[in-house]
Amino acid sequence: MRSTWTDSRLDEFRSRVDERFNGMEKRLSEMSGRIDEINTRIDSLQHAILIVGGGLFAAFVGVLAALIGLIATQL
């Protein structure tokens, strides 16, 4: 009696564990898709930051050159 009860309980437990692992695999694949989407967004944000930063740096260099030129002509 006890061995049959234990075997059936173990079979039920195994089937529940398999169901949970299948659910976990599904959630992990969904999470992988979300991470790929976030990586794409971060890449585009990084590109925008580089473009704006480069423009600001170029403007700074231009203003600095203009100031040096102004000071040089006034001396």
PDB file of N, CA and C in Angstrom:
ATOM      1  N   MET A   1       0.820  -1.194   0.000  1.00  0.00           N
ATOM      2  CA  MET A   1       0.000   0.000   0.000  1.00  0.00           C
ATOM      3  C   MET A   1       0.870   1.267   0.000  1.00  0.00           C
ATOM      4  N   ARG A   2       1.861   1.298   0.849  1.00  0.00           N
ATOM      5  CA  ARG A   2       2.684   2.501   0.947  1.00  0.00           C
ATOM      6  C   ARG A   2       3.510   2.735  -0.317  1.00  0.00           C
ATOM      7  N   SER A   3       4.082   1.716  -0.923  1.00  0.00           N
ATOM      8  CA  SER A   3       4.900   1.901  -2.116  1.00  0.00           C
ATOM      9  C   SER A   3       4.051   2.421  -3.281  1.00  0.00           C
ATOM     10  N   THR A   4       2.819   1.967  -3.418  1.00  0.00           N
ATOM     11  CA  THR A   4       1.942   2.464  -4.472  1.00  0.00           C
ATOM     12  C   THR A   4       1.596   3.923  -4.224  1.00  0.00           C
ATOM     13  N   TRP A   5       1.317   4.257  -2.977  1.00  0.00           N
ATOM     14  CA  TRP A   5       0.985   5.650  -2.640  1.00  0.00           C
ATOM     15  C   TRP A   5       2.176   6.551  -2.941  1.00  0.00           C
ATOM     16  N   THR A   6       3.359   6.143  -2.553  1.00  0.00           N
ATOM     17  CA  THR A   6       4.555   6.943  -2.767  1.00  0.00           C
ATOM     18  C   THR A   6       4.847   7.096  -4.260  1.00  0.00           C
ATOM     19  N   ASP A   7       4.721   6.006  -5.002  1.00  0.00           N
ATOM     20  CA  ASP A   7       4.986   6.074  -6.444  1.00  0.00           C
ATOM     21  C   ASP A   7       4.005   7.011  -7.146  1.00  0.00           C
ATOM     22  N   SER A   8       2.748   6.940  -6.794  1.00  0.00           N
ATOM     23  CA  SER A   8       1.774   7.807  -7.459  1.00  0.00           C
ATOM     24  C   SER A   8       1.995   9.269  -7.072  1.00  0.00           C
ATOM     25  N   ARG A   9       2.331   9.493  -5.816  1.00  0.00           N
ATOM     26  CA  ARG A   9       2.615  10.870  -5.389  1.00  0.00           C
ATOM     27  C   ARG A   9       3.854  11.414  -6.103  1.00  0.00           C
ATOM     28  N   LEU A  10       4.882  10.575  -6.248  1.00  0.00           N
ATOM     29  CA  LEU A  10       6.076  10.999  -6.954  1.00  0.00           C
ATOM     30  C   LEU A  10       5.783  11.286  -8.427  1.00  0.00           C
ATOM     31  N   ASP A  11       4.952  10.474  -9.044  1.00  0.00           N
ATOM     32  CA  ASP A  11       4.570  10.725 -10.439  1.00  0.00           C
ATOM     33  C   ASP A  11       3.821  12.040 -10.565  1.00  0.00           C
ATOM     34  N   GLU A  12       2.913  12.302  -9.623  1.00  0.00           N
ATOM     35  CA  GLU A  12       2.176  13.569  -9.644  1.00  0.00           C
ATOM     36  C   GLU A  12       3.126  14.749  -9.429  1.00  0.00           C
ATOM     37  N   PHE A  13       4.043  14.580  -8.500  1.00  0.00           N
ATOM     38  CA  PHE A  13       5.018  15.637  -8.238  1.00  0.00           C
ATOM     39  C   PHE A  13       5.882  15.907  -9.475  1.00  0.00           C
ATOM     40  N   ARG A  14       6.320  14.829 -10.128  1.00  0.00           N
ATOM     41  CA  ARG A  14       7.139  14.981 -11.329  1.00  0.00           C
ATOM     42  C   ARG A  14       6.380  15.723 -12.425  1.00  0.00           C
ATOM     43  N   SER A  15       5.121  15.415 -12.595  1.00  0.00           N
ATOM     44  CA  SER A  15       4.345  16.098 -13.637  1.00  0.00           C
ATOM     45  C   SER A  15       4.165  17.577 -13.301  1.00  0.00           C
ATOM     46  N   ARG A  16       3.969  17.898 -12.024  1.00  0.00           N
ATOM     47  CA  ARG A  16       3.855  19.311 -11.637  1.00  0.00           C
ATOM     48  C   ARG A  16       5.171  20.046 -11.828  1.00  0.00           C
ATOM     49  N   VAL A  17       6.282  19.384 -11.517  1.00  0.00           N
ATOM     50  CA  VAL A  17       7.595  19.999 -11.718  1.00  0.00           C
ATOM     51  C   VAL A  17       7.829  20.240 -13.211  1.00  0.00           C
ATOM     52  N   ASP A  18       7.466  19.285 -14.051  1.00  0.00           N
ATOM     53  CA  ASP A  18       7.620  19.460 -15.504  1.00  0.00           C
ATOM     54  C   ASP A  18       6.788  20.636 -15.997  1.00  0.00           C
ATOM     55  N   GLU A  19       5.564  20.773 -15.491  1.00  0.00           N
ATOM     56  CA  GLU A  19       4.713  21.896 -15.897  1.00  0.00           C
ATOM     57  C   GLU A  19       5.343  23.227 -15.492  1.00  0.00           C
ATOM     58  N   ARG A  20       5.887  23.271 -14.299  1.00  0.00           N
ATOM     59  CA  ARG A  20       6.506  24.513 -13.837  1.00  0.00           C
ATOM     60  C   ARG A  20       7.755  24.849 -14.650  1.00  0.00           C
ATOM     61  N   PHE A  21       8.546  23.844 -14.987  1.00  0.00           N
ATOM     62  CA  PHE A  21       9.727  24.106 -15.809  1.00  0.00           C
ATOM     63  C   PHE A  21       9.335  24.587 -17.202  1.00  0.00           C
ATOM     64  N   ASN A  22       8.259  24.024 -17.756  1.00  0.00           N
ATOM     65  CA  ASN A  22       7.791  24.492 -19.064  1.00  0.00           C
ATOM     66  C   ASN A  22       7.347  25.953 -18.975  1.00  0.00           C
ATOM     67  N   GLY A  23       6.660  26.306 -17.895  1.00  0.00           N
ATOM     68  CA  GLY A  23       6.267  27.699 -17.689  1.00  0.00           C
ATOM     69  C   GLY A  23       7.476  28.604 -17.517  1.00  0.00           C
ATOM     70  N   MET A  24       8.477  28.107 -16.821  1.00  0.00           N
ATOM     71  CA  MET A  24       9.689  28.886 -16.611  1.00  0.00           C
ATOM     72  C   MET A  24      10.429  29.108 -17.930  1.00  0.00           C
ATOM     73  N   GLU A  25      10.484  28.094 -18.774  1.00  0.00           N
ATOM     74  CA  GLU A  25      11.129  28.248 -20.081  1.00  0.00           C
ATOM     75  C   GLU A  25      10.403  29.301 -20.908  1.00  0.00           C
ATOM     76  N   LYS A  26       9.091  29.307 -20.849  1.00  0.00           N
ATOM     77  CA  LYS A  26       8.310  30.291 -21.601  1.00  0.00           C
ATOM     78  C   LYS A  26       8.603  31.699 -21.094  1.00  0.00           C
ATOM     79  N   ARG A  27       8.632  31.867 -19.778  1.00  0.00           N
ATOM     80  CA  ARG A  27       8.920  33.190 -19.213  1.00  0.00           C
ATOM     81  C   ARG A  27      10.334  33.643 -19.530  1.00  0.00           C
ATOM     82  N   LEU A  28      11.302  32.726 -19.526  1.00  0.00           N
ATOM     83  CA  LEU A  28      12.673  33.083 -19.850  1.00  0.00           C
ATOM     84  C   LEU A  28      12.807  33.512 -21.311  1.00  0.00           C
ATOM     85  N   SER A  29      12.086  32.850 -22.207  1.00  0.00           N
ATOM     86  CA  SER A  29      12.159  33.254 -23.611  1.00  0.00           C
ATOM     87  C   SER A  29      11.508  34.620 -23.808  1.00  0.00           C
ATOM     88  N   GLU A  30      10.418  34.903 -23.088  1.00  0.00           N
ATOM     89  CA  GLU A  30       9.805  36.232 -23.150  1.00  0.00           C
ATOM     90  C   GLU A  30      10.765  37.291 -22.612  1.00  0.00           C
ATOM     91  N   MET A  31      11.448  36.974 -21.523  1.00  0.00           N
ATOM     92  CA  MET A  31      12.395  37.909 -20.926  1.00  0.00           C
ATOM     93  C   MET A  31      13.564  38.161 -21.881  1.00  0.00           C
ATOM     94  N   SER A  32      13.993  37.133 -22.580  1.00  0.00           N
ATOM     95  CA  SER A  32      15.075  37.300 -23.550  1.00  0.00           C
ATOM     96  C   SER A  32      14.657  38.272 -24.647  1.00  0.00           C
ATOM     97  N   GLY A  33      13.419  38.175 -25.097  1.00  0.00           N
ATOM     98  CA  GLY A  33      12.913  39.114 -26.097  1.00  0.00           C
ATOM     99  C   GLY A  33      12.882  40.535 -25.570  1.00  0.00           C
ATOM    100  N   ARG A  34      12.470  40.695 -24.331  1.00  0.00           N
ATOM    101  CA  ARG A  34      12.440  42.027 -23.728  1.00  0.00           C
ATOM    102  C   ARG A  34      13.845  42.598 -23.593  1.00  0.00           C
ATOM    103  N   ILE A  35      14.790  41.765 -23.214  1.00  0.00           N
ATOM    104  CA  ILE A  35      16.170  42.229 -23.062  1.00  0.00           C
ATOM    105  C   ILE A  35      16.729  42.666 -24.410  1.00  0.00           C
ATOM    106  N   ASP A  36      16.409  41.918 -25.474  1.00  0.00           N
ATOM    107  CA  ASP A  36      16.857  42.322 -26.813  1.00  0.00           C
ATOM    108  C   ASP A  36      16.276  43.674 -27.194  1.00  0.00           C
ATOM    109  N   GLU A  37      15.007  43.897 -26.860  1.00  0.00           N
ATOM    110  CA  GLU A  37      14.367  45.183 -27.150  1.00  0.00           C
ATOM    111  C   GLU A  37      15.033  46.314 -26.375  1.00  0.00           C
ATOM    112  N   ILE A  38      15.339  46.065 -25.113  1.00  0.00           N
ATOM    113  CA  ILE A  38      15.989  47.080 -24.280  1.00  0.00           C
ATOM    114  C   ILE A  38      17.390  47.377 -24.823  1.00  0.00           C
ATOM    115  N   ASN A  39      18.109  46.335 -25.262  1.00  0.00           N
ATOM    116  CA  ASN A  39      19.441  46.553 -25.832  1.00  0.00           C
ATOM    117  C   ASN A  39      19.373  47.436 -27.068  1.00  0.00           C
ATOM    118  N   THR A  40      18.354  47.230 -27.886  1.00  0.00           N
ATOM    119  CA  THR A  40      18.189  48.062 -29.080  1.00  0.00           C
ATOM    120  C   THR A  40      17.938  49.511 -28.690  1.00  0.00           C
ATOM    121  N   ARG A  41      17.101  49.716 -27.681  1.00  0.00           N
ATOM    122  CA  ARG A  41      16.810  51.076 -27.236  1.00  0.00           C
ATOM    123  C   ARG A  41      18.052  51.733 -26.648  1.00  0.00           C
ATOM    124  N   ILE A  42      18.836  50.994 -25.890  1.00  0.00           N
ATOM    125  CA  ILE A  42      20.054  51.544 -25.292  1.00  0.00           C
ATOM    126  C   ILE A  42      21.055  51.908 -26.389  1.00  0.00           C
ATOM    127  N   ASP A  43      21.155  51.061 -27.416  1.00  0.00           N
ATOM    128  CA  ASP A  43      22.069  51.364 -28.521  1.00  0.00           C
ATOM    129  C   ASP A  43      21.670  52.656 -29.222  1.00  0.00           C
ATOM    130  N   SER A  44      20.380  52.850 -29.458  1.00  0.00           N
ATOM    131  CA  SER A  44      19.943  54.079 -30.124  1.00  0.00           C
ATOM    132  C   SER A  44      20.150  55.300 -29.228  1.00  0.00           C
ATOM    133  N   LEU A  45      19.948  55.131 -27.926  1.00  0.00           N
ATOM    134  CA  LEU A  45      20.193  56.223 -26.990  1.00  0.00           C
ATOM    135  C   LEU A  45      21.675  56.583 -26.948  1.00  0.00           C
ATOM    136  N   GLN A  46      22.516  55.573 -26.947  1.00  0.00           N
ATOM    137  CA  GLN A  46      23.960  55.811 -26.933  1.00  0.00           C
ATOM    138  C   GLN A  46      24.383  56.542 -28.208  1.00  0.00           C
ATOM    139  N   HIS A  47      23.807  56.180 -29.326  1.00  0.00           N
ATOM    140  CA  HIS A  47      24.115  56.858 -30.585  1.00  0.00           C
ATOM    141  C   HIS A  47      23.709  58.332 -30.510  1.00  0.00           C
ATOM    142  N   ALA A  48      22.534  58.604 -29.977  1.00  0.00           N
ATOM    143  CA  ALA A  48      22.059  59.988 -29.858  1.00  0.00           C
ATOM    144  C   ALA A  48      22.958  60.790 -28.917  1.00  0.00           C
ATOM    145  N   ILE A  49      23.396  60.167 -27.831  1.00  0.00           N
ATOM    146  CA  ILE A  49      24.283  60.859 -26.885  1.00  0.00           C
ATOM    147  C   ILE A  49      25.610  61.205 -27.565  1.00  0.00           C
ATOM    148  N   LEU A  50      26.145  60.286 -28.356  1.00  0.00           N
ATOM    149  CA  LEU A  50      27.403  60.559 -29.062  1.00  0.00           C
ATOM    150  C   LEU A  50      27.244  61.690 -30.071  1.00  0.00           C
ATOM    151  N   ILE A  51      26.128  61.717 -30.787  1.00  0.00           N
ATOM    152  CA  ILE A  51      25.908  62.774 -31.778  1.00  0.00           C
ATOM    153  C   ILE A  51      25.791  64.138 -31.085  1.00  0.00           C
ATOM    154  N   VAL A  52      24.981  64.215 -30.027  1.00  0.00           N
ATOM    155  CA  VAL A  52      24.795  65.484 -29.314  1.00  0.00           C
ATOM    156  C   VAL A  52      26.093  65.903 -28.632  1.00  0.00           C
ATOM    157  N   GLY A  53      26.777  64.966 -27.997  1.00  0.00           N
ATOM    158  CA  GLY A  53      28.045  65.282 -27.334  1.00  0.00           C
ATOM    159  C   GLY A  53      29.090  65.762 -28.325  1.00  0.00           C
ATOM    160  N   GLY A  54      29.163  65.135 -29.487  1.00  0.00           N
ATOM    161  CA  GLY A  54      30.104  65.572 -30.511  1.00  0.00           C
ATOM    162  C   GLY A  54      29.784  66.974 -31.001  1.00  0.00           C
ATOM    163  N   GLY A  55      28.496  67.262 -31.166  1.00  0.00           N
ATOM    164  CA  GLY A  55      28.097  68.609 -31.583  1.00  0.00           C
ATOM    165  C   GLY A  55      28.445  69.652 -30.541  1.00  0.00           C
ATOM    166  N   LEU A  56      28.213  69.335 -29.280  1.00  0.00           N
ATOM    167  CA  LEU A  56      28.560  70.266 -28.207  1.00  0.00           C
ATOM    168  C   LEU A  56      30.070  70.490 -28.124  1.00  0.00           C
ATOM    169  N   PHE A  57      30.818  69.422 -28.295  1.00  0.00           N
ATOM    170  CA  PHE A  57      32.279  69.552 -28.263  1.00  0.00           C
ATOM    171  C   PHE A  57      32.765  70.415 -29.418  1.00  0.00           C
ATOM    172  N   ALA A  58      32.213  70.203 -30.600  1.00  0.00           N
ATOM    173  CA  ALA A  58      32.612  71.015 -31.756  1.00  0.00           C
ATOM    174  C   ALA A  58      32.246  72.479 -31.538  1.00  0.00           C
ATOM    175  N   ALA A  59      31.087  72.737 -30.961  1.00  0.00           N
ATOM    176  CA  ALA A  59      30.684  74.117 -30.685  1.00  0.00           C
ATOM    177  C   ALA A  59      31.632  74.749 -29.659  1.00  0.00           C
ATOM    178  N   PHE A  60      32.007  73.993 -28.647  1.00  0.00           N
ATOM    179  CA  PHE A  60      32.927  74.496 -27.636  1.00  0.00           C
ATOM    180  C   PHE A  60      34.281  74.849 -28.254  1.00  0.00           C
ATOM    181  N   VAL A  61      34.777  73.974 -29.110  1.00  0.00           N
ATOM    182  CA  VAL A  61      36.060  74.230 -29.767  1.00  0.00           C
ATOM    183  C   VAL A  61      35.948  75.472 -30.647  1.00  0.00           C
ATOM    184  N   GLY A  62      34.824  75.636 -31.334  1.00  0.00           N
ATOM    185  CA  GLY A  62      34.628  76.821 -32.167  1.00  0.00           C
ATOM    186  C   GLY A  62      34.606  78.102 -31.357  1.00  0.00           C
ATOM    187  N   VAL A  63      33.899  78.090 -30.238  1.00  0.00           N
ATOM    188  CA  VAL A  63      33.840  79.277 -29.370  1.00  0.00           C
ATOM    189  C   VAL A  63      35.218  79.561 -28.783  1.00  0.00           C
ATOM    190  N   LEU A  64      35.917  78.536 -28.384  1.00  0.00           N
ATOM    191  CA  LEU A  64      37.262  78.711 -27.838  1.00  0.00           C
ATOM    192  C   LEU A  64      38.194  79.302 -28.893  1.00  0.00           C
ATOM    193  N   ALA A  65      38.119  78.808 -30.113  1.00  0.00           N
ATOM    194  CA  ALA A  65      38.958  79.354 -31.195  1.00  0.00           C
ATOM    195  C   ALA A  65      38.601  80.818 -31.464  1.00  0.00           C
ATOM    196  N   ALA A  66      37.318  81.149 -31.428  1.00  0.00           N
ATOM    197  CA  ALA A  66      36.908  82.524 -31.645  1.00  0.00           C
ATOM    198  C   ALA A  66      37.420  83.433 -30.533  1.00  0.00           C
ATOM    199  N   LEU A  67      37.371  82.970 -29.308  1.00  0.00           N
ATOM    200  CA  LEU A  67      37.889  83.771 -28.188  1.00  0.00           C
ATOM    201  C   LEU A  67      39.394  83.970 -28.292  1.00  0.00           C
ATOM    202  N   ILE A  68      40.111  82.919 -28.648  1.00  0.00           N
ATOM    203  CA  ILE A  68      41.566  83.044 -28.805  1.00  0.00           C
ATOM    204  C   ILE A  68      41.868  84.009 -29.945  1.00  0.00           C
ATOM    205  N   GLY A  69      41.136  83.935 -31.044  1.00  0.00           N
ATOM    206  CA  GLY A  69      41.337  84.855 -32.151  1.00  0.00           C
ATOM    207  C   GLY A  69      41.037  86.295 -31.748  1.00  0.00           C
ATOM    208  N   LEU A  70      39.981  86.493 -30.985  1.00  0.00           N
ATOM    209  CA  LEU A  70      39.627  87.840 -30.524  1.00  0.00           C
ATOM    210  C   LEU A  70      40.706  88.394 -29.615  1.00  0.00           C
ATOM    211  N   ILE A  71      41.190  87.586 -28.702  1.00  0.00           N
ATOM    212  CA  ILE A  71      42.235  88.049 -27.786  1.00  0.00           C
ATOM    213  C   ILE A  71      43.526  88.342 -28.565  1.00  0.00           C
ATOM    214  N   ALA A  72      43.853  87.511 -29.521  1.00  0.00           N
ATOM    215  CA  ALA A  72      45.098  87.682 -30.309  1.00  0.00           C
ATOM    216  C   ALA A  72      45.038  88.974 -31.139  1.00  0.00           C
ATOM    217  N   THR A  73      43.885  89.314 -31.656  1.00  0.00           N
ATOM    218  CA  THR A  73      43.795  90.522 -32.481  1.00  0.00           C
ATOM    219  C   THR A  73      43.753  91.802 -31.654  1.00  0.00           C
ATOM    220  N   GLN A  74      43.398  91.689 -30.398  1.00  0.00           N
ATOM    221  CA  GLN A  74      43.317  92.862 -29.549  1.00  0.00           C
ATOM    222  C   GLN A  74      44.664  93.211 -28.906  1.00  0.00           C
ATOM    223  N   LEU A  75      45.606  92.311 -28.955  1.00  0.00           N
ATOM    224  CA  LEU A  75      46.911  92.574 -28.348  1.00  0.00           C
ATOM    225  C   LEU A  75      47.806  93.290 -29.257  1.00  0.00           C
TER     226      LEU A  75
END
